[in-house]
Amino acid sequence: MLDSHYQDIGRQQSGVGEALYARSMPGGGYVRVELVVSDRGDVGSERRRGRVVIEPRDPSPRRDDAAPLVVEEVEGDDEDAVVAECFRIARDNAAIARRVLRRRSDLRAD
C-alpha cells in the first residue's frame, strides 16, 4: 500500500510506457514509474521493463535537467518483482538522487 502523501495516478498511458505511479518531488518536478512490455503476446519472449523517470515541473532551457531523465531501468519476467523494485526506488529521494548523479556523470562522460 502506498503512503497517503504519495499520489498514485493509476494506470495511464504515457506514450512509450504505462505510468503506474507518480509523486511530486521536493523542490519541484515529479517522479513516475512506467512499465513497458516487450514482445506483447509472445509468451515465450515477453519481458517486463520498469523505468523510474524524473521530470522537472518547469523545465528551464538553461539547465541540463530540462528533459525527462530515466534514472533506473529494471527488467525481468516477473511483473510484480519489476514494479516492486521500481516503486522502492521511486519512493526514496536519496536513491533517486544517487541515480541522477550517476546517470548525469555517465552522460557527461560520453
N, C-alpha and C. Protein backbone atom coordinates (compact mmCIF):
# COMPACT_ATOMS: atom_id res chain seq x y z
N MET A 1 0.85 -1.19 0.00
CA MET A 1 0.00 0.00 0.00
C MET A 1 0.89 1.24 0.00
N LEU A 2 0.56 2.21 -0.82
CA LEU A 2 1.32 3.44 -0.89
C LEU A 2 0.96 4.34 0.28
N ASP A 3 1.95 5.09 0.76
CA ASP A 3 1.68 6.05 1.82
C ASP A 3 0.73 7.12 1.29
N SER A 4 -0.04 7.71 2.19
CA SER A 4 -1.07 8.66 1.77
C SER A 4 -0.50 9.93 1.16
N HIS A 5 0.77 10.30 1.47
CA HIS A 5 1.31 11.53 0.91
C HIS A 5 1.91 11.32 -0.47
N TYR A 6 1.87 10.11 -1.00
CA TYR A 6 2.28 9.85 -2.37
C TYR A 6 1.04 9.84 -3.23
N GLN A 7 1.15 10.38 -4.42
CA GLN A 7 0.00 10.45 -5.32
C GLN A 7 0.07 9.28 -6.29
N ASP A 8 -0.86 8.37 -6.19
CA ASP A 8 -0.94 7.25 -7.12
C ASP A 8 -1.82 7.68 -8.27
N ILE A 9 -1.28 7.71 -9.48
CA ILE A 9 -2.06 8.18 -10.62
C ILE A 9 -2.76 7.06 -11.35
N GLY A 10 -2.61 5.85 -10.87
CA GLY A 10 -3.28 4.74 -11.53
C GLY A 10 -2.59 4.36 -12.82
N ARG A 11 -3.29 3.67 -13.67
CA ARG A 11 -2.70 3.19 -14.92
C ARG A 11 -3.12 4.12 -16.06
N GLN A 12 -2.20 5.00 -16.43
CA GLN A 12 -2.44 5.90 -17.55
C GLN A 12 -1.38 5.63 -18.60
N GLN A 13 -1.71 5.87 -19.84
CA GLN A 13 -0.74 5.70 -20.91
C GLN A 13 0.13 6.94 -20.98
N SER A 14 1.44 6.75 -21.15
CA SER A 14 2.37 7.87 -21.23
C SER A 14 3.24 7.75 -22.47
N GLY A 15 2.69 7.43 -23.59
CA GLY A 15 3.46 7.35 -24.82
C GLY A 15 4.16 6.03 -24.98
N VAL A 16 5.29 5.84 -24.32
CA VAL A 16 6.06 4.61 -24.50
C VAL A 16 5.82 3.60 -23.41
N GLY A 17 5.47 4.04 -22.24
CA GLY A 17 5.27 3.12 -21.13
C GLY A 17 3.96 3.39 -20.43
N GLU A 18 3.57 2.46 -19.61
CA GLU A 18 2.35 2.60 -18.84
C GLU A 18 2.73 3.19 -17.49
N ALA A 19 2.24 4.42 -17.18
CA ALA A 19 2.56 5.08 -15.92
C ALA A 19 1.74 4.43 -14.80
N LEU A 20 2.43 3.83 -13.85
CA LEU A 20 1.77 3.14 -12.75
C LEU A 20 1.68 4.00 -11.50
N TYR A 21 2.58 4.97 -11.37
CA TYR A 21 2.71 5.72 -10.12
C TYR A 21 3.43 7.02 -10.42
N ALA A 22 3.04 8.09 -9.73
CA ALA A 22 3.76 9.36 -9.81
C ALA A 22 3.60 10.09 -8.50
N ARG A 23 4.61 10.88 -8.17
CA ARG A 23 4.53 11.72 -6.98
C ARG A 23 5.37 12.96 -7.19
N SER A 24 5.04 14.00 -6.47
CA SER A 24 5.81 15.24 -6.52
C SER A 24 7.15 15.04 -5.84
N MET A 25 8.14 15.76 -6.34
CA MET A 25 9.48 15.72 -5.76
C MET A 25 9.70 16.99 -4.95
N PRO A 26 10.49 16.89 -3.88
CA PRO A 26 10.86 18.11 -3.16
C PRO A 26 11.61 19.04 -4.11
N GLY A 27 11.27 20.30 -4.10
CA GLY A 27 11.93 21.25 -4.99
C GLY A 27 11.30 21.34 -6.37
N GLY A 28 10.21 20.63 -6.60
CA GLY A 28 9.51 20.70 -7.87
C GLY A 28 9.75 19.49 -8.75
N GLY A 29 8.93 19.36 -9.74
CA GLY A 29 9.01 18.22 -10.63
C GLY A 29 8.34 17.01 -10.03
N TYR A 30 8.46 15.89 -10.73
CA TYR A 30 7.87 14.67 -10.20
C TYR A 30 8.64 13.46 -10.67
N VAL A 31 8.38 12.36 -10.00
CA VAL A 31 8.96 11.07 -10.36
C VAL A 31 7.80 10.15 -10.74
N ARG A 32 8.02 9.32 -11.74
CA ARG A 32 6.98 8.37 -12.12
C ARG A 32 7.61 7.01 -12.39
N VAL A 33 6.78 5.99 -12.26
CA VAL A 33 7.18 4.61 -12.58
C VAL A 33 6.39 4.21 -13.81
N GLU A 34 7.09 3.71 -14.81
CA GLU A 34 6.46 3.24 -16.05
C GLU A 34 6.73 1.75 -16.21
N LEU A 35 5.82 1.07 -16.87
CA LEU A 35 6.00 -0.34 -17.19
C LEU A 35 5.86 -0.52 -18.70
N VAL A 36 6.84 -1.19 -19.30
CA VAL A 36 6.84 -1.48 -20.73
C VAL A 36 6.91 -2.99 -20.88
N VAL A 37 6.07 -3.54 -21.75
CA VAL A 37 6.10 -4.98 -22.02
C VAL A 37 6.62 -5.16 -23.44
N SER A 38 7.73 -5.89 -23.59
CA SER A 38 8.27 -6.15 -24.92
C SER A 38 7.67 -7.44 -25.46
N ASP A 39 7.55 -7.54 -26.75
CA ASP A 39 7.01 -8.73 -27.42
C ASP A 39 5.66 -9.14 -26.85
N ARG A 40 4.78 -8.17 -26.68
CA ARG A 40 3.45 -8.46 -26.11
C ARG A 40 2.76 -9.52 -26.96
N GLY A 41 2.25 -10.52 -26.29
CA GLY A 41 1.52 -11.59 -26.96
C GLY A 41 2.36 -12.82 -27.24
N ASP A 42 3.69 -12.65 -27.29
CA ASP A 42 4.58 -13.80 -27.49
C ASP A 42 5.05 -14.24 -26.11
N VAL A 43 4.33 -15.17 -25.52
CA VAL A 43 4.57 -15.59 -24.14
C VAL A 43 6.01 -16.05 -23.93
N GLY A 44 6.60 -16.67 -24.94
CA GLY A 44 7.96 -17.19 -24.81
C GLY A 44 9.02 -16.12 -24.66
N SER A 45 8.82 -14.96 -25.27
CA SER A 45 9.85 -13.92 -25.22
C SER A 45 9.38 -12.63 -24.55
N GLU A 46 8.18 -12.61 -24.02
CA GLU A 46 7.64 -11.41 -23.38
C GLU A 46 8.45 -11.07 -22.13
N ARG A 47 8.91 -9.82 -22.05
CA ARG A 47 9.68 -9.34 -20.90
C ARG A 47 9.05 -8.07 -20.37
N ARG A 48 9.20 -7.85 -19.07
CA ARG A 48 8.72 -6.62 -18.43
C ARG A 48 9.93 -5.74 -18.16
N ARG A 49 9.78 -4.44 -18.48
CA ARG A 49 10.83 -3.47 -18.16
C ARG A 49 10.19 -2.30 -17.44
N GLY A 50 10.65 -2.05 -16.25
CA GLY A 50 10.17 -0.92 -15.47
C GLY A 50 11.17 0.22 -15.54
N ARG A 51 10.67 1.43 -15.50
CA ARG A 51 11.52 2.62 -15.54
C ARG A 51 11.12 3.56 -14.42
N VAL A 52 12.11 4.18 -13.82
CA VAL A 52 11.90 5.27 -12.89
C VAL A 52 12.36 6.53 -13.63
N VAL A 53 11.43 7.46 -13.84
CA VAL A 53 11.70 8.66 -14.64
C VAL A 53 11.43 9.89 -13.78
N ILE A 54 12.36 10.86 -13.83
CA ILE A 54 12.08 12.14 -13.18
C ILE A 54 11.90 13.19 -14.27
N GLU A 55 11.01 14.13 -13.97
CA GLU A 55 10.72 15.18 -14.92
C GLU A 55 10.53 16.49 -14.16
N PRO A 56 11.23 17.56 -14.59
CA PRO A 56 11.05 18.84 -13.91
C PRO A 56 9.66 19.39 -14.18
N ARG A 57 9.11 20.08 -13.18
CA ARG A 57 7.78 20.66 -13.36
C ARG A 57 7.84 21.83 -14.34
N ASP A 58 8.81 22.71 -14.17
CA ASP A 58 9.00 23.86 -15.05
C ASP A 58 10.40 23.79 -15.63
N PRO A 59 10.59 23.11 -16.75
CA PRO A 59 11.93 22.98 -17.31
C PRO A 59 12.49 24.33 -17.74
N SER A 60 13.77 24.50 -17.50
CA SER A 60 14.46 25.71 -17.90
C SER A 60 15.45 25.35 -19.00
N PRO A 61 15.42 26.04 -20.13
CA PRO A 61 16.35 25.71 -21.20
C PRO A 61 17.81 25.95 -20.82
N ARG A 62 18.05 26.70 -19.75
CA ARG A 62 19.43 26.97 -19.33
C ARG A 62 20.02 25.83 -18.52
N ARG A 63 19.19 24.94 -18.02
CA ARG A 63 19.69 23.83 -17.20
C ARG A 63 19.76 22.57 -18.03
N ASP A 64 20.60 21.64 -17.58
CA ASP A 64 20.71 20.37 -18.30
C ASP A 64 19.66 19.36 -17.84
N ASP A 65 18.76 19.78 -16.95
CA ASP A 65 17.72 18.86 -16.47
C ASP A 65 16.35 19.22 -17.04
N ALA A 66 16.32 19.87 -18.20
CA ALA A 66 15.06 20.31 -18.78
C ALA A 66 14.25 19.16 -19.36
N ALA A 67 14.89 18.07 -19.73
CA ALA A 67 14.20 16.92 -20.32
C ALA A 67 14.01 15.83 -19.28
N PRO A 68 13.00 14.99 -19.45
CA PRO A 68 12.83 13.85 -18.53
C PRO A 68 14.09 12.98 -18.53
N LEU A 69 14.40 12.42 -17.38
CA LEU A 69 15.60 11.59 -17.23
C LEU A 69 15.21 10.23 -16.67
N VAL A 70 15.54 9.17 -17.38
CA VAL A 70 15.33 7.81 -16.88
C VAL A 70 16.48 7.53 -15.93
N VAL A 71 16.17 7.41 -14.63
CA VAL A 71 17.22 7.22 -13.64
C VAL A 71 17.48 5.75 -13.34
N GLU A 72 16.54 4.88 -13.68
CA GLU A 72 16.74 3.44 -13.45
C GLU A 72 15.82 2.65 -14.37
N GLU A 73 16.34 1.53 -14.87
CA GLU A 73 15.54 0.58 -15.62
C GLU A 73 15.74 -0.80 -15.00
N VAL A 74 14.65 -1.50 -14.81
CA VAL A 74 14.67 -2.85 -14.23
C VAL A 74 13.95 -3.76 -15.20
N GLU A 75 14.56 -4.90 -15.54
CA GLU A 75 13.95 -5.82 -16.49
C GLU A 75 13.83 -7.20 -15.88
N GLY A 76 12.75 -7.90 -16.23
CA GLY A 76 12.57 -9.26 -15.75
C GLY A 76 11.30 -9.89 -16.29
N ASP A 77 11.12 -11.16 -15.95
CA ASP A 77 9.93 -11.90 -16.38
C ASP A 77 8.76 -11.68 -15.44
N ASP A 78 9.05 -11.39 -14.17
CA ASP A 78 8.02 -11.26 -13.14
C ASP A 78 7.62 -9.79 -12.99
N GLU A 79 6.43 -9.46 -13.47
CA GLU A 79 5.96 -8.07 -13.42
C GLU A 79 5.93 -7.52 -12.00
N ASP A 80 5.49 -8.33 -11.04
CA ASP A 80 5.41 -7.87 -9.65
C ASP A 80 6.79 -7.49 -9.11
N ALA A 81 7.81 -8.29 -9.41
CA ALA A 81 9.16 -8.00 -8.93
C ALA A 81 9.72 -6.74 -9.58
N VAL A 82 9.49 -6.56 -10.87
CA VAL A 82 9.96 -5.38 -11.58
C VAL A 82 9.31 -4.13 -11.01
N VAL A 83 8.00 -4.16 -10.86
CA VAL A 83 7.26 -3.00 -10.35
C VAL A 83 7.66 -2.70 -8.90
N ALA A 84 7.80 -3.72 -8.07
CA ALA A 84 8.18 -3.52 -6.67
C ALA A 84 9.53 -2.83 -6.56
N GLU A 85 10.50 -3.24 -7.36
CA GLU A 85 11.83 -2.61 -7.32
C GLU A 85 11.76 -1.16 -7.78
N CYS A 86 11.00 -0.89 -8.82
CA CYS A 86 10.84 0.49 -9.30
C CYS A 86 10.14 1.36 -8.25
N PHE A 87 9.10 0.83 -7.60
CA PHE A 87 8.41 1.58 -6.55
C PHE A 87 9.36 1.87 -5.39
N ARG A 88 10.18 0.90 -5.02
CA ARG A 88 11.13 1.10 -3.92
C ARG A 88 12.04 2.28 -4.22
N ILE A 89 12.53 2.35 -5.43
CA ILE A 89 13.42 3.44 -5.83
C ILE A 89 12.65 4.76 -5.90
N ALA A 90 11.47 4.76 -6.51
CA ALA A 90 10.70 5.99 -6.71
C ALA A 90 10.25 6.63 -5.41
N ARG A 91 10.12 5.85 -4.35
CA ARG A 91 9.68 6.38 -3.06
C ARG A 91 10.83 6.89 -2.20
N ASP A 92 12.07 6.71 -2.65
CA ASP A 92 13.26 7.03 -1.85
C ASP A 92 14.02 8.18 -2.51
N ASN A 93 13.89 9.40 -1.96
CA ASN A 93 14.55 10.56 -2.55
C ASN A 93 16.06 10.40 -2.63
N ALA A 94 16.68 9.80 -1.62
CA ALA A 94 18.13 9.61 -1.64
C ALA A 94 18.55 8.65 -2.75
N ALA A 95 17.78 7.58 -2.94
CA ALA A 95 18.09 6.62 -4.01
C ALA A 95 17.97 7.30 -5.37
N ILE A 96 16.97 8.14 -5.53
CA ILE A 96 16.81 8.87 -6.79
C ILE A 96 17.99 9.81 -7.01
N ALA A 97 18.37 10.55 -5.97
CA ALA A 97 19.48 11.50 -6.09
C ALA A 97 20.78 10.78 -6.49
N ARG A 98 21.05 9.63 -5.88
CA ARG A 98 22.26 8.88 -6.24
C ARG A 98 22.23 8.46 -7.71
N ARG A 99 21.09 8.01 -8.16
CA ARG A 99 20.97 7.56 -9.55
C ARG A 99 21.05 8.73 -10.53
N VAL A 100 20.49 9.88 -10.16
CA VAL A 100 20.58 11.06 -11.01
C VAL A 100 22.04 11.46 -11.18
N LEU A 101 22.78 11.52 -10.08
CA LEU A 101 24.19 11.89 -10.15
C LEU A 101 24.97 10.90 -11.01
N ARG A 102 24.71 9.62 -10.83
CA ARG A 102 25.40 8.59 -11.61
C ARG A 102 25.05 8.72 -13.09
N ARG A 103 23.77 8.89 -13.39
CA ARG A 103 23.32 8.97 -14.79
C ARG A 103 23.89 10.21 -15.47
N ARG A 104 23.87 11.34 -14.78
CA ARG A 104 24.39 12.57 -15.38
C ARG A 104 25.90 12.49 -15.58
N SER A 105 26.61 11.85 -14.67
CA SER A 105 28.06 11.71 -14.86
C SER A 105 28.33 10.78 -16.05
N ASP A 106 27.50 9.75 -16.24
CA ASP A 106 27.65 8.87 -17.40
C ASP A 106 27.39 9.63 -18.70
N LEU A 107 26.38 10.51 -18.70
CA LEU A 107 26.05 11.28 -19.89
C LEU A 107 27.16 12.26 -20.24
N ARG A 108 27.76 12.88 -19.23
CA ARG A 108 28.85 13.83 -19.47
C ARG A 108 30.11 13.13 -19.97
N ALA A 109 30.30 11.88 -19.55
CA ALA A 109 31.49 11.13 -19.95
C ALA A 109 31.43 10.74 -21.43
N ASP A 110 30.22 10.69 -21.99
CA ASP A 110 30.07 10.29 -23.40
C ASP A 110 30.50 11.35 -24.36
